[in-house]
Amino acid sequence: PSVLLFDEPLSNLDAKLRGDMRIELRELQN
């Protein structure tokens, strides 16, 4: 896709997994 839209995609995850996924999503976007 030309654009990715995220609507609170991590809010259902536990705190530790949410923190890990933040890093993964940011690295993937880069």
PDB file of all heavy atoms in Angstrom:
ATOM      1  N   PRO A   1       0.832  -1.212   0.000  1.00  0.00           N
ATOM      2  CA  PRO A   1       0.000   0.000   0.000  1.00  0.00           C
ATOM      3  C   PRO A   1       0.859   1.252   0.000  1.00  0.00           C
ATOM      4  O   PRO A   1       2.017   1.237   0.429  1.00  0.00           O
ATOM      5  CB  PRO A   1      -0.789  -0.127   1.308  1.00  0.00           C
ATOM      6  CG  PRO A   1       0.123  -0.906   2.205  1.00  0.00           C
ATOM      7  CD  PRO A   1       0.808  -1.895   1.310  1.00  0.00           C
ATOM      8  N   SER A   2       0.268   2.347  -0.474  1.00  0.00           N
ATOM      9  CA  SER A   2       0.997   3.615  -0.476  1.00  0.00           C
ATOM     10  C   SER A   2       0.998   4.248   0.903  1.00  0.00           C
ATOM     11  O   SER A   2       1.902   5.015   1.248  1.00  0.00           O
ATOM     12  CB  SER A   2       0.371   4.579  -1.484  1.00  0.00           C
ATOM     13  OG  SER A   2      -0.994   4.808  -1.175  1.00  0.00           O
ATOM     14  N   VAL A   3      -0.013   3.917   1.709  1.00  0.00           N
ATOM     15  CA  VAL A   3      -0.140   4.485   3.053  1.00  0.00           C
ATOM     16  C   VAL A   3      -0.637   3.395   3.998  1.00  0.00           C
ATOM     17  O   VAL A   3      -1.519   2.610   3.640  1.00  0.00           O
ATOM     18  CB  VAL A   3      -1.133   5.676   3.063  1.00  0.00           C
ATOM     19  CG1 VAL A   3      -1.436   6.115   4.490  1.00  0.00           C
ATOM     20  CG2 VAL A   3      -0.585   6.840   2.259  1.00  0.00           C
ATOM     21  N   LEU A   4      -0.084   3.359   5.212  1.00  0.00           N
ATOM     22  CA  LEU A   4      -0.556   2.458   6.255  1.00  0.00           C
ATOM     23  C   LEU A   4      -1.271   3.278   7.324  1.00  0.00           C
ATOM     24  O   LEU A   4      -0.747   4.297   7.789  1.00  0.00           O
ATOM     25  CB  LEU A   4       0.613   1.706   6.895  1.00  0.00           C
ATOM     26  CG  LEU A   4       1.123   0.452   6.186  1.00  0.00           C
ATOM     27  CD1 LEU A   4       2.378  -0.076   6.882  1.00  0.00           C
ATOM     28  CD2 LEU A   4       0.049  -0.632   6.168  1.00  0.00           C
ATOM     29  N   LEU A   5      -2.461   2.825   7.710  1.00  0.00           N
ATOM     30  CA  LEU A   5      -3.235   3.477   8.754  1.00  0.00           C
ATOM     31  C   LEU A   5      -3.368   2.522   9.937  1.00  0.00           C
ATOM     32  O   LEU A   5      -3.710   1.350   9.759  1.00  0.00           O
ATOM     33  CB  LEU A   5      -4.629   3.857   8.237  1.00  0.00           C
ATOM     34  CG  LEU A   5      -4.683   4.698   6.952  1.00  0.00           C
ATOM     35  CD1 LEU A   5      -6.130   4.960   6.557  1.00  0.00           C
ATOM     36  CD2 LEU A   5      -3.929   6.013   7.122  1.00  0.00           C
ATOM     37  N   PHE A   6      -3.101   3.025  11.139  1.00  0.00           N
ATOM     38  CA  PHE A   6      -3.159   2.208  12.353  1.00  0.00           C
ATOM     39  C   PHE A   6      -4.161   2.825  13.324  1.00  0.00           C
ATOM     40  O   PHE A   6      -4.004   3.972  13.734  1.00  0.00           O
ATOM     41  CB  PHE A   6      -1.794   2.145  13.041  1.00  0.00           C
ATOM     42  CG  PHE A   6      -0.715   1.485  12.220  1.00  0.00           C
ATOM     43  CD1 PHE A   6       0.116   2.238  11.418  1.00  0.00           C
ATOM     44  CD2 PHE A   6      -0.523   0.113  12.268  1.00  0.00           C
ATOM     45  CE1 PHE A   6       1.119   1.643  10.672  1.00  0.00           C
ATOM     46  CE2 PHE A   6       0.478  -0.496  11.531  1.00  0.00           C
ATOM     47  CZ  PHE A   6       1.295   0.267  10.727  1.00  0.00           C
ATOM     48  N   ASP A   7      -5.179   2.042  13.704  1.00  0.00           N
ATOM     49  CA  ASP A   7      -6.174   2.523  14.659  1.00  0.00           C
ATOM     50  C   ASP A   7      -5.986   1.797  15.993  1.00  0.00           C
ATOM     51  O   ASP A   7      -6.552   0.733  16.213  1.00  0.00           O
ATOM     52  CB  ASP A   7      -7.586   2.294  14.120  1.00  0.00           C
ATOM     53  CG  ASP A   7      -8.660   2.898  15.020  1.00  0.00           C
ATOM     54  OD1 ASP A   7      -8.292   3.689  15.915  1.00  0.00           O
ATOM     55  OD2 ASP A   7      -9.841   2.568  14.842  1.00  0.00           O
ATOM     56  N   GLU A   8      -5.165   2.365  16.873  1.00  0.00           N
ATOM     57  CA  GLU A   8      -4.865   1.811  18.195  1.00  0.00           C
ATOM     58  C   GLU A   8      -4.603   0.299  18.130  1.00  0.00           C
ATOM     59  O   GLU A   8      -5.252  -0.486  18.834  1.00  0.00           O
ATOM     60  CB  GLU A   8      -5.998   2.128  19.181  1.00  0.00           C
ATOM     61  CG  GLU A   8      -6.308   3.614  19.254  1.00  0.00           C
ATOM     62  CD  GLU A   8      -6.953   4.027  20.560  1.00  0.00           C
ATOM     63  OE1 GLU A   8      -6.531   3.537  21.616  1.00  0.00           O
ATOM     64  OE2 GLU A   8      -7.869   4.857  20.525  1.00  0.00           O
ATOM     65  N   PRO A   9      -3.648  -0.138  17.311  1.00  0.00           N
ATOM     66  CA  PRO A   9      -3.474  -1.574  17.066  1.00  0.00           C
ATOM     67  C   PRO A   9      -2.890  -2.351  18.237  1.00  0.00           C
ATOM     68  O   PRO A   9      -2.947  -3.576  18.242  1.00  0.00           O
ATOM     69  CB  PRO A   9      -2.525  -1.608  15.870  1.00  0.00           C
ATOM     70  CG  PRO A   9      -1.712  -0.359  16.017  1.00  0.00           C
ATOM     71  CD  PRO A   9      -2.675   0.662  16.552  1.00  0.00           C
ATOM     72  N   LEU A  10      -2.328  -1.669  19.223  1.00  0.00           N
ATOM     73  CA  LEU A  10      -1.658  -2.377  20.321  1.00  0.00           C
ATOM     74  C   LEU A  10      -2.449  -2.351  21.626  1.00  0.00           C
ATOM     75  O   LEU A  10      -1.986  -2.897  22.629  1.00  0.00           O
ATOM     76  CB  LEU A  10      -0.268  -1.773  20.569  1.00  0.00           C
ATOM     77  CG  LEU A  10       0.658  -1.673  19.347  1.00  0.00           C
ATOM     78  CD1 LEU A  10       2.013  -1.125  19.772  1.00  0.00           C
ATOM     79  CD2 LEU A  10       0.803  -3.010  18.655  1.00  0.00           C
ATOM     80  N   SER A  11      -3.608  -1.750  21.631  1.00  0.00           N
ATOM     81  CA  SER A  11      -4.320  -1.524  22.900  1.00  0.00           C
ATOM     82  C   SER A  11      -4.814  -2.812  23.542  1.00  0.00           C
ATOM     83  O   SER A  11      -5.098  -2.830  24.741  1.00  0.00           O
ATOM     84  CB  SER A  11      -5.485  -0.559  22.683  1.00  0.00           C
ATOM     85  OG  SER A  11      -6.395  -1.085  21.733  1.00  0.00           O
ATOM     86  N   ASN A  12      -4.933  -3.910  22.774  1.00  0.00           N
ATOM     87  CA  ASN A  12      -5.410  -5.167  23.347  1.00  0.00           C
ATOM     88  C   ASN A  12      -4.286  -6.055  23.875  1.00  0.00           C
ATOM     89  O   ASN A  12      -4.558  -7.157  24.367  1.00  0.00           O
ATOM     90  CB  ASN A  12      -6.217  -5.957  22.301  1.00  0.00           C
ATOM     91  CG  ASN A  12      -7.562  -5.308  22.010  1.00  0.00           C
ATOM     92  OD1 ASN A  12      -8.101  -4.587  22.847  1.00  0.00           O
ATOM     93  ND2 ASN A  12      -8.089  -5.552  20.835  1.00  0.00           N
ATOM     94  N   LEU A  13      -3.053  -5.613  23.768  1.00  0.00           N
ATOM     95  CA  LEU A  13      -1.912  -6.424  24.191  1.00  0.00           C
ATOM     96  C   LEU A  13      -1.514  -6.085  25.624  1.00  0.00           C
ATOM     97  O   LEU A  13      -1.785  -4.988  26.119  1.00  0.00           O
ATOM     98  CB  LEU A  13      -0.726  -6.189  23.256  1.00  0.00           C
ATOM     99  CG  LEU A  13      -0.973  -6.456  21.762  1.00  0.00           C
ATOM    100  CD1 LEU A  13       0.289  -6.159  20.963  1.00  0.00           C
ATOM    101  CD2 LEU A  13      -1.439  -7.879  21.515  1.00  0.00           C
ATOM    102  N   ASP A  14      -0.841  -7.031  26.293  1.00  0.00           N
ATOM    103  CA  ASP A  14      -0.351  -6.752  27.639  1.00  0.00           C
ATOM    104  C   ASP A  14       0.809  -5.755  27.566  1.00  0.00           C
ATOM    105  O   ASP A  14       1.378  -5.507  26.501  1.00  0.00           O
ATOM    106  CB  ASP A  14       0.076  -8.034  28.348  1.00  0.00           C
ATOM    107  CG  ASP A  14       1.236  -8.740  27.662  1.00  0.00           C
ATOM    108  OD1 ASP A  14       2.364  -8.220  27.699  1.00  0.00           O
ATOM    109  OD2 ASP A  14       1.012  -9.822  27.078  1.00  0.00           O
ATOM    110  N   ALA A  15       1.165  -5.202  28.722  1.00  0.00           N
ATOM    111  CA  ALA A  15       2.101  -4.079  28.759  1.00  0.00           C
ATOM    112  C   ALA A  15       3.459  -4.415  28.146  1.00  0.00           C
ATOM    113  O   ALA A  15       4.005  -3.632  27.363  1.00  0.00           O
ATOM    114  CB  ALA A  15       2.281  -3.605  30.198  1.00  0.00           C
ATOM    115  N   LYS A  16       4.024  -5.572  28.475  1.00  0.00           N
ATOM    116  CA  LYS A  16       5.349  -5.925  27.957  1.00  0.00           C
ATOM    117  C   LYS A  16       5.306  -6.150  26.454  1.00  0.00           C
ATOM    118  O   LYS A  16       6.165  -5.653  25.711  1.00  0.00           O
ATOM    119  CB  LYS A  16       5.900  -7.159  28.653  1.00  0.00           C
ATOM    120  CG  LYS A  16       7.330  -7.499  28.202  1.00  0.00           C
ATOM    121  CD  LYS A  16       7.867  -8.734  28.871  1.00  0.00           C
ATOM    122  CE  LYS A  16       9.337  -8.951  28.496  1.00  0.00           C
ATOM    123  NZ  LYS A  16       9.563  -8.966  27.040  1.00  0.00           N
ATOM    124  N   LEU A  17       4.293  -6.899  25.988  1.00  0.00           N
ATOM    125  CA  LEU A  17       4.189  -7.161  24.559  1.00  0.00           C
ATOM    126  C   LEU A  17       3.922  -5.875  23.787  1.00  0.00           C
ATOM    127  O   LEU A  17       4.426  -5.677  22.681  1.00  0.00           O
ATOM    128  CB  LEU A  17       3.077  -8.182  24.300  1.00  0.00           C
ATOM    129  CG  LEU A  17       2.902  -8.649  22.853  1.00  0.00           C
ATOM    130  CD1 LEU A  17       4.212  -9.204  22.303  1.00  0.00           C
ATOM    131  CD2 LEU A  17       1.803  -9.687  22.766  1.00  0.00           C
ATOM    132  N   ARG A  18       3.142  -4.984  24.393  1.00  0.00           N
ATOM    133  CA  ARG A  18       2.871  -3.696  23.755  1.00  0.00           C
ATOM    134  C   ARG A  18       4.169  -2.920  23.566  1.00  0.00           C
ATOM    135  O   ARG A  18       4.408  -2.334  22.509  1.00  0.00           O
ATOM    136  CB  ARG A  18       1.882  -2.902  24.600  1.00  0.00           C
ATOM    137  CG  ARG A  18       1.331  -1.675  23.911  1.00  0.00           C
ATOM    138  CD  ARG A  18       0.051  -1.194  24.573  1.00  0.00           C
ATOM    139  NE  ARG A  18       0.248  -0.802  25.959  1.00  0.00           N
ATOM    140  CZ  ARG A  18      -0.323  -1.379  26.994  1.00  0.00           C
ATOM    141  NH1 ARG A  18      -1.122  -2.417  26.807  1.00  0.00           N
ATOM    142  NH2 ARG A  18      -0.114  -0.958  28.220  1.00  0.00           N
ATOM    143  N   GLY A  19       5.038  -2.937  24.582  1.00  0.00           N
ATOM    144  CA  GLY A  19       6.319  -2.253  24.466  1.00  0.00           C
ATOM    145  C   GLY A  19       7.194  -2.863  23.396  1.00  0.00           C
ATOM    146  O   GLY A  19       7.861  -2.144  22.630  1.00  0.00           O
ATOM    147  N   ASP A  20       7.212  -4.207  23.302  1.00  0.00           N
ATOM    148  CA  ASP A  20       8.009  -4.877  22.271  1.00  0.00           C
ATOM    149  C   ASP A  20       7.475  -4.562  20.878  1.00  0.00           C
ATOM    150  O   ASP A  20       8.254  -4.318  19.941  1.00  0.00           O
ATOM    151  CB  ASP A  20       7.997  -6.391  22.501  1.00  0.00           C
ATOM    152  CG  ASP A  20       8.729  -6.803  23.771  1.00  0.00           C
ATOM    153  OD1 ASP A  20       9.541  -5.998  24.264  1.00  0.00           O
ATOM    154  OD2 ASP A  20       8.484  -7.916  24.266  1.00  0.00           O
ATOM    155  N   MET A  21       6.156  -4.566  20.735  1.00  0.00           N
ATOM    156  CA  MET A  21       5.559  -4.329  19.423  1.00  0.00           C
ATOM    157  C   MET A  21       5.756  -2.888  18.955  1.00  0.00           C
ATOM    158  O   MET A  21       5.825  -2.624  17.751  1.00  0.00           O
ATOM    159  CB  MET A  21       4.070  -4.672  19.458  1.00  0.00           C
ATOM    160  CG  MET A  21       3.770  -6.167  19.472  1.00  0.00           C
ATOM    161  SD  MET A  21       4.346  -7.018  17.978  1.00  0.00           S
ATOM    162  CE  MET A  21       3.298  -6.261  16.725  1.00  0.00           C
ATOM    163  N   ARG A  22       5.837  -1.959  19.885  1.00  0.00           N
ATOM    164  CA  ARG A  22       6.133  -0.572  19.491  1.00  0.00           C
ATOM    165  C   ARG A  22       7.440  -0.512  18.716  1.00  0.00           C
ATOM    166  O   ARG A  22       7.540   0.135  17.664  1.00  0.00           O
ATOM    167  CB  ARG A  22       6.257   0.320  20.727  1.00  0.00           C
ATOM    168  CG  ARG A  22       4.984   0.658  21.435  1.00  0.00           C
ATOM    169  CD  ARG A  22       5.298   1.404  22.710  1.00  0.00           C
ATOM    170  NE  ARG A  22       4.152   1.469  23.590  1.00  0.00           N
ATOM    171  CZ  ARG A  22       4.226   1.634  24.904  1.00  0.00           C
ATOM    172  NH1 ARG A  22       5.410   1.747  25.488  1.00  0.00           N
ATOM    173  NH2 ARG A  22       3.147   1.688  25.635  1.00  0.00           N
ATOM    174  N   ILE A  23       8.450  -1.190  19.263  1.00  0.00           N
ATOM    175  CA  ILE A  23       9.762  -1.185  18.631  1.00  0.00           C
ATOM    176  C   ILE A  23       9.695  -1.867  17.270  1.00  0.00           C
ATOM    177  O   ILE A  23      10.236  -1.369  16.271  1.00  0.00           O
ATOM    178  CB  ILE A  23      10.793  -1.879  19.541  1.00  0.00           C
ATOM    179  CG1 ILE A  23      10.923  -1.111  20.861  1.00  0.00           C
ATOM    180  CG2 ILE A  23      12.148  -1.979  18.841  1.00  0.00           C
ATOM    181  CD1 ILE A  23      11.773  -1.809  21.901  1.00  0.00           C
ATOM    182  N   GLU A  24       9.021  -3.017  17.214  1.00  0.00           N
ATOM    183  CA  GLU A  24       8.923  -3.756  15.954  1.00  0.00           C
ATOM    184  C   GLU A  24       8.185  -2.952  14.888  1.00  0.00           C
ATOM    185  O   GLU A  24       8.616  -2.902  13.725  1.00  0.00           O
ATOM    186  CB  GLU A  24       8.212  -5.089  16.183  1.00  0.00           C
ATOM    187  CG  GLU A  24       9.033  -6.090  16.989  1.00  0.00           C
ATOM    188  CD  GLU A  24       8.384  -7.461  17.008  1.00  0.00           C
ATOM    189  OE1 GLU A  24       7.583  -7.757  16.094  1.00  0.00           O
ATOM    190  OE2 GLU A  24       8.669  -8.234  17.930  1.00  0.00           O
ATOM    191  N   LEU A  25       7.077  -2.321  15.254  1.00  0.00           N
ATOM    192  CA  LEU A  25       6.314  -1.537  14.291  1.00  0.00           C
ATOM    193  C   LEU A  25       7.126  -0.349  13.780  1.00  0.00           C
ATOM    194  O   LEU A  25       7.096  -0.031  12.591  1.00  0.00           O
ATOM    195  CB  LEU A  25       5.013  -1.038  14.921  1.00  0.00           C
ATOM    196  CG  LEU A  25       3.845  -2.019  14.969  1.00  0.00           C
ATOM    197  CD1 LEU A  25       2.655  -1.393  15.681  1.00  0.00           C
ATOM    198  CD2 LEU A  25       3.438  -2.466  13.580  1.00  0.00           C
ATOM    199  N   ARG A  26       7.838   0.301  14.687  1.00  0.00           N
ATOM    200  CA  ARG A  26       8.642   1.456  14.283  1.00  0.00           C
ATOM    201  C   ARG A  26       9.769   1.042  13.338  1.00  0.00           C
ATOM    202  O   ARG A  26      10.015   1.694  12.317  1.00  0.00           O
ATOM    203  CB  ARG A  26       9.220   2.134  15.535  1.00  0.00           C
ATOM    204  CG  ARG A  26      10.044   3.384  15.249  1.00  0.00           C
ATOM    205  CD  ARG A  26       9.237   4.405  14.465  1.00  0.00           C
ATOM    206  NE  ARG A  26       9.919   5.677  14.401  1.00  0.00           N
ATOM    207  CZ  ARG A  26       9.682   6.588  13.480  1.00  0.00           C
ATOM    208  NH1 ARG A  26       8.778   6.379  12.543  1.00  0.00           N
ATOM    209  NH2 ARG A  26      10.324   7.736  13.484  1.00  0.00           N
ATOM    210  N   GLU A  27      10.437  -0.071  13.649  1.00  0.00           N
ATOM    211  CA  GLU A  27      11.512  -0.551  12.785  1.00  0.00           C
ATOM    212  C   GLU A  27      10.969  -0.969  11.423  1.00  0.00           C
ATOM    213  O   GLU A  27      11.594  -0.711  10.386  1.00  0.00           O
ATOM    214  CB  GLU A  27      12.243  -1.710  13.454  1.00  0.00           C
ATOM    215  CG  GLU A  27      13.082  -1.290  14.658  1.00  0.00           C
ATOM    216  CD  GLU A  27      13.771  -2.457  15.323  1.00  0.00           C
ATOM    217  OE1 GLU A  27      13.423  -3.623  15.004  1.00  0.00           O
ATOM    218  OE2 GLU A  27      14.663  -2.217  16.165  1.00  0.00           O
ATOM    219  N   LEU A  28       9.795  -1.605  11.412  1.00  0.00           N
ATOM    220  CA  LEU A  28       9.195  -2.022  10.154  1.00  0.00           C
ATOM    221  C   LEU A  28       8.818  -0.815   9.305  1.00  0.00           C
ATOM    222  O   LEU A  28       9.045  -0.795   8.086  1.00  0.00           O
ATOM    223  CB  LEU A  28       7.966  -2.889  10.428  1.00  0.00           C
ATOM    224  CG  LEU A  28       7.229  -3.431   9.196  1.00  0.00           C
ATOM    225  CD1 LEU A  28       8.159  -4.336   8.391  1.00  0.00           C
ATOM    226  CD2 LEU A  28       5.975  -4.186   9.610  1.00  0.00           C
ATOM    227  N   GLN A  29       8.258   0.198   9.926  1.00  0.00           N
ATOM    228  CA  GLN A  29       7.883   1.403   9.182  1.00  0.00           C
ATOM    229  C   GLN A  29       9.120   2.062   8.572  1.00  0.00           C
ATOM    230  O   GLN A  29       9.094   2.522   7.428  1.00  0.00           O
ATOM    231  CB  GLN A  29       7.155   2.385  10.110  1.00  0.00           C
ATOM    232  CG  GLN A  29       6.483   3.560   9.413  1.00  0.00           C
ATOM    233  CD  GLN A  29       7.395   4.761   9.232  1.00  0.00           C
ATOM    234  OE1 GLN A  29       8.316   4.971  10.013  1.00  0.00           O
ATOM    235  NE2 GLN A  29       7.138   5.542   8.206  1.00  0.00           N
ATOM    236  N   ASN A  30      10.218   2.072   9.320  1.00  0.00           N
ATOM    237  CA  ASN A  30      11.458   2.651   8.798  1.00  0.00           C
ATOM    238  C   ASN A  30      11.999   1.842   7.623  1.00  0.00           C
ATOM    239  O   ASN A  30      12.485   2.402   6.633  1.00  0.00           O
ATOM    240  CB  ASN A  30      12.507   2.730   9.907  1.00  0.00           C
ATOM    241  CG  ASN A  30      12.223   3.843  10.905  1.00  0.00           C
ATOM    242  OD1 ASN A  30      11.579   4.836  10.561  1.00  0.00           O
ATOM    243  ND2 ASN A  30      12.694   3.692  12.127  1.00  0.00           N
TER     244      ASN A  30
END
